[in-house]
Amino acid sequence: MVDASKQKHAGKSSAQRFRDAVMNALNLDMDDFETDDDATDHVLGLLNSMMDNQVAIPKAVAPSAPRSWQYEFRDVKDSNDYSELVKVLHDALTQAAYGKGRERHANDLPFHQQPMNTISDLIGSPLGLVYQVCKKVVEGVNLPTHDQRVRELLGVINYTAGIVIWLNRHQSNPPKE
């Protein structure tokens, strides 16, 4: 019988295995980087930042996109404590930008100009978005597979973001009751 963990590390130097372990701990993927050297440089930069400033900067890169975003935590503990949240928020963003949300609803428009927000503008209220959030939560937790549940609940995050965006744009005009 072949030990899968040994086979996975076959031919990798200890430096590469260390880099892979750090990337795994930060929920980063090799696909997020153009080359192995880019991934190594990113991990080394994180480690140097942690040693110099006691601050870690997780980096999320959208698939095949030249743009990225960064969030700087106040300290390493916060970075570790919120790494799972960063992963979920990144997955929700990826779904909106490249997945079901874009395929079904985007019409090649920016997120804040997509139908979910323009319909709310037409009726002068975000309550349609609130309904979508409630509906997706109920449907999501009752779907048959884990992957289906997660996909639906990532949509909840995106619809909730749509509510926040709508409210921010209309902060001087409270929604209709």
Protein backbone atom coordinates (compact mmCIF):
# COMPACT_ATOMS: atom_id res chain seq x y z
CA MET A 1 0.00 0.00 0.00
CA VAL A 2 1.32 3.47 -0.93
CA ASP A 3 1.30 6.16 1.75
CA ALA A 4 -0.47 9.11 0.06
CA SER A 5 1.11 11.70 2.35
CA LYS A 6 4.62 10.47 1.51
CA GLN A 7 3.80 10.33 -2.20
CA LYS A 8 2.43 13.89 -2.04
CA HIS A 9 5.76 15.17 -0.73
CA ALA A 10 7.98 13.03 -2.97
CA GLY A 11 10.53 15.16 -4.80
CA LYS A 12 9.75 18.33 -2.82
CA SER A 13 12.42 20.06 -0.80
CA SER A 14 11.79 20.87 2.84
CA ALA A 15 11.48 24.56 1.83
CA GLN A 16 8.72 23.69 -0.65
CA ARG A 17 6.92 21.54 1.94
CA PHE A 18 7.18 24.40 4.46
CA ARG A 19 5.80 26.88 1.89
CA ASP A 20 2.93 24.49 1.12
CA ALA A 21 2.15 24.10 4.84
CA VAL A 22 2.05 27.89 5.35
CA MET A 23 -0.15 28.31 2.28
CA ASN A 24 -2.49 25.59 3.54
CA ALA A 25 -2.72 27.24 6.97
CA LEU A 26 -3.65 30.55 5.32
CA ASN A 27 -6.12 28.92 2.90
CA LEU A 28 -4.03 29.93 -0.11
CA ASP A 29 -3.83 27.82 -3.23
CA MET A 30 -0.98 27.42 -5.73
CA ASP A 31 -3.51 28.32 -8.44
CA ASP A 32 -3.64 31.81 -6.88
CA PHE A 33 -0.10 32.45 -8.16
CA GLU A 34 1.38 32.48 -11.63
CA THR A 35 4.54 30.59 -10.65
CA ASP A 36 5.97 28.60 -7.75
CA ASP A 37 8.42 31.45 -7.19
CA ASP A 38 5.53 33.92 -6.81
CA ALA A 39 3.97 31.67 -4.17
CA THR A 40 7.28 31.32 -2.34
CA ASP A 41 7.88 35.09 -2.48
CA HIS A 42 4.41 35.71 -1.08
CA VAL A 43 4.93 33.29 1.82
CA LEU A 44 8.37 34.77 2.56
CA GLY A 45 6.86 38.25 2.50
CA LEU A 46 4.19 37.17 4.98
CA LEU A 47 6.78 35.61 7.27
CA ASN A 48 9.02 38.69 7.10
CA SER A 49 6.05 40.91 7.82
CA MET A 50 5.08 38.81 10.83
CA MET A 51 8.63 38.91 12.20
CA ASP A 52 9.17 42.63 11.51
CA ASN A 53 5.75 44.04 12.35
CA GLN A 54 3.81 41.26 14.03
CA VAL A 55 1.23 41.73 11.25
CA ALA A 56 0.12 39.18 8.67
CA ILE A 57 -1.41 40.16 5.35
CA PRO A 58 -3.54 37.45 3.77
CA LYS A 59 -3.81 37.87 0.03
CA ALA A 60 -6.63 36.58 -2.11
CA VAL A 61 -6.31 36.51 -5.87
CA ALA A 62 -9.24 35.93 -8.16
CA PRO A 63 -8.70 33.12 -10.68
CA SER A 64 -6.81 34.27 -13.79
CA ALA A 65 -7.22 37.92 -12.84
CA PRO A 66 -4.51 40.57 -12.67
CA ARG A 67 -6.17 42.31 -9.71
CA SER A 68 -6.00 41.31 -6.08
CA TRP A 69 -7.12 42.60 -2.71
CA GLN A 70 -5.41 42.62 0.63
CA TYR A 71 -6.57 42.98 4.18
CA GLU A 72 -4.16 43.84 6.95
CA PHE A 73 -4.98 42.46 10.38
CA ARG A 74 -3.75 44.29 13.47
CA ASP A 75 -1.77 41.27 14.60
CA VAL A 76 -0.97 37.65 13.85
CA LYS A 77 -3.54 36.35 16.35
CA ASP A 78 -6.35 38.19 14.55
CA SER A 79 -5.10 36.85 11.23
CA ASN A 80 -5.22 33.31 12.59
CA ASP A 81 -8.55 33.83 14.36
CA TYR A 82 -10.28 35.13 11.22
CA SER A 83 -8.63 33.04 8.50
CA GLU A 84 -11.74 30.87 8.05
CA LEU A 85 -13.90 33.99 7.60
CA VAL A 86 -11.45 35.35 5.01
CA LYS A 87 -11.76 32.07 3.09
CA VAL A 88 -15.59 32.15 3.12
CA LEU A 89 -15.74 35.82 2.09
CA HIS A 90 -13.24 35.11 -0.71
CA ASP A 91 -15.38 32.18 -1.88
CA ALA A 92 -18.50 34.39 -1.89
CA LEU A 93 -16.67 37.06 -3.89
CA THR A 94 -15.41 34.45 -6.35
CA GLN A 95 -18.96 33.11 -6.78
CA ALA A 96 -20.32 36.61 -7.47
CA ALA A 97 -17.50 37.57 -9.84
CA TYR A 98 -16.99 34.27 -11.68
CA GLY A 99 -19.69 31.77 -10.75
CA LYS A 100 -23.45 31.40 -10.65
CA GLY A 101 -24.03 35.04 -9.71
CA ARG A 102 -22.20 36.36 -12.74
CA GLU A 103 -23.60 33.74 -15.11
CA ARG A 104 -27.25 34.24 -14.12
CA HIS A 105 -27.56 37.82 -12.93
CA ALA A 106 -24.65 40.08 -13.84
CA ASN A 107 -25.53 40.99 -17.45
CA ASP A 108 -21.90 42.18 -17.67
CA LEU A 109 -22.67 44.98 -15.18
CA PRO A 110 -20.78 46.01 -12.03
CA PHE A 111 -22.10 44.33 -8.87
CA HIS A 112 -23.85 47.47 -7.59
CA GLN A 113 -25.67 47.94 -10.94
CA GLN A 114 -26.94 44.39 -11.29
CA PRO A 115 -30.71 43.70 -11.23
CA MET A 116 -30.82 42.93 -7.51
CA ASN A 117 -29.87 46.56 -6.78
CA THR A 118 -31.61 48.27 -9.70
CA ILE A 119 -34.90 46.53 -8.85
CA SER A 120 -34.47 47.75 -5.27
CA ASP A 121 -33.95 51.25 -6.69
CA LEU A 122 -37.18 50.96 -8.71
CA ILE A 123 -39.25 49.99 -5.67
CA GLY A 124 -37.32 52.30 -3.34
CA SER A 125 -36.59 49.54 -0.85
CA PRO A 126 -34.10 46.73 -0.21
CA LEU A 127 -36.88 44.44 1.03
CA GLY A 128 -36.74 42.31 -2.14
CA LEU A 129 -33.10 41.59 -1.30
CA VAL A 130 -34.07 40.83 2.29
CA TYR A 131 -36.63 38.31 0.98
CA GLN A 132 -33.93 36.70 -1.22
CA VAL A 133 -31.60 36.36 1.79
CA CYS A 134 -34.34 34.69 3.86
CA LYS A 135 -35.38 32.39 1.00
CA LYS A 136 -31.80 31.35 0.23
CA VAL A 137 -31.04 30.59 3.89
CA VAL A 138 -34.09 28.32 4.18
CA GLU A 139 -33.40 26.63 0.83
CA GLY A 140 -29.66 26.41 1.44
CA VAL A 141 -29.74 24.56 4.73
CA ASN A 142 -32.19 22.03 3.26
CA LEU A 143 -30.29 21.13 0.09
CA PRO A 144 -29.16 17.49 -0.13
CA THR A 145 -25.37 17.86 -0.42
CA HIS A 146 -22.75 19.87 1.44
CA ASP A 147 -21.50 21.52 -1.76
CA GLN A 148 -25.02 22.60 -2.75
CA ARG A 149 -25.65 24.02 0.73
CA VAL A 150 -22.38 25.95 0.71
CA ARG A 151 -22.99 27.36 -2.80
CA GLU A 152 -26.46 28.58 -1.81
CA LEU A 153 -25.23 30.12 1.44
CA LEU A 154 -22.41 31.94 -0.38
CA GLY A 155 -25.22 33.51 -2.40
CA VAL A 156 -26.76 34.66 0.90
CA ILE A 157 -23.54 36.52 1.66
CA ASN A 158 -23.64 38.20 -1.75
CA TYR A 159 -27.30 39.22 -1.43
CA THR A 160 -26.56 40.57 2.06
CA ALA A 161 -23.68 42.57 0.57
CA GLY A 162 -26.16 43.89 -1.98
CA ILE A 163 -28.37 45.11 0.88
CA VAL A 164 -25.43 46.88 2.52
CA ILE A 165 -24.44 48.49 -0.80
CA TRP A 166 -28.04 49.62 -1.41
CA LEU A 167 -28.35 51.02 2.12
CA ASN A 168 -25.01 52.85 1.82
CA ARG A 169 -26.12 54.46 -1.45
CA HIS A 170 -29.46 55.50 0.07
CA GLN A 171 -28.34 56.42 3.58
CA SER A 172 -30.00 59.85 3.43
CA ASN A 173 -33.24 58.27 2.16
CA PRO A 174 -34.47 55.56 4.55
CA PRO A 175 -36.16 52.56 2.88
CA LYS A 176 -39.95 52.53 2.54
CA GLU A 177 -41.72 50.60 5.28
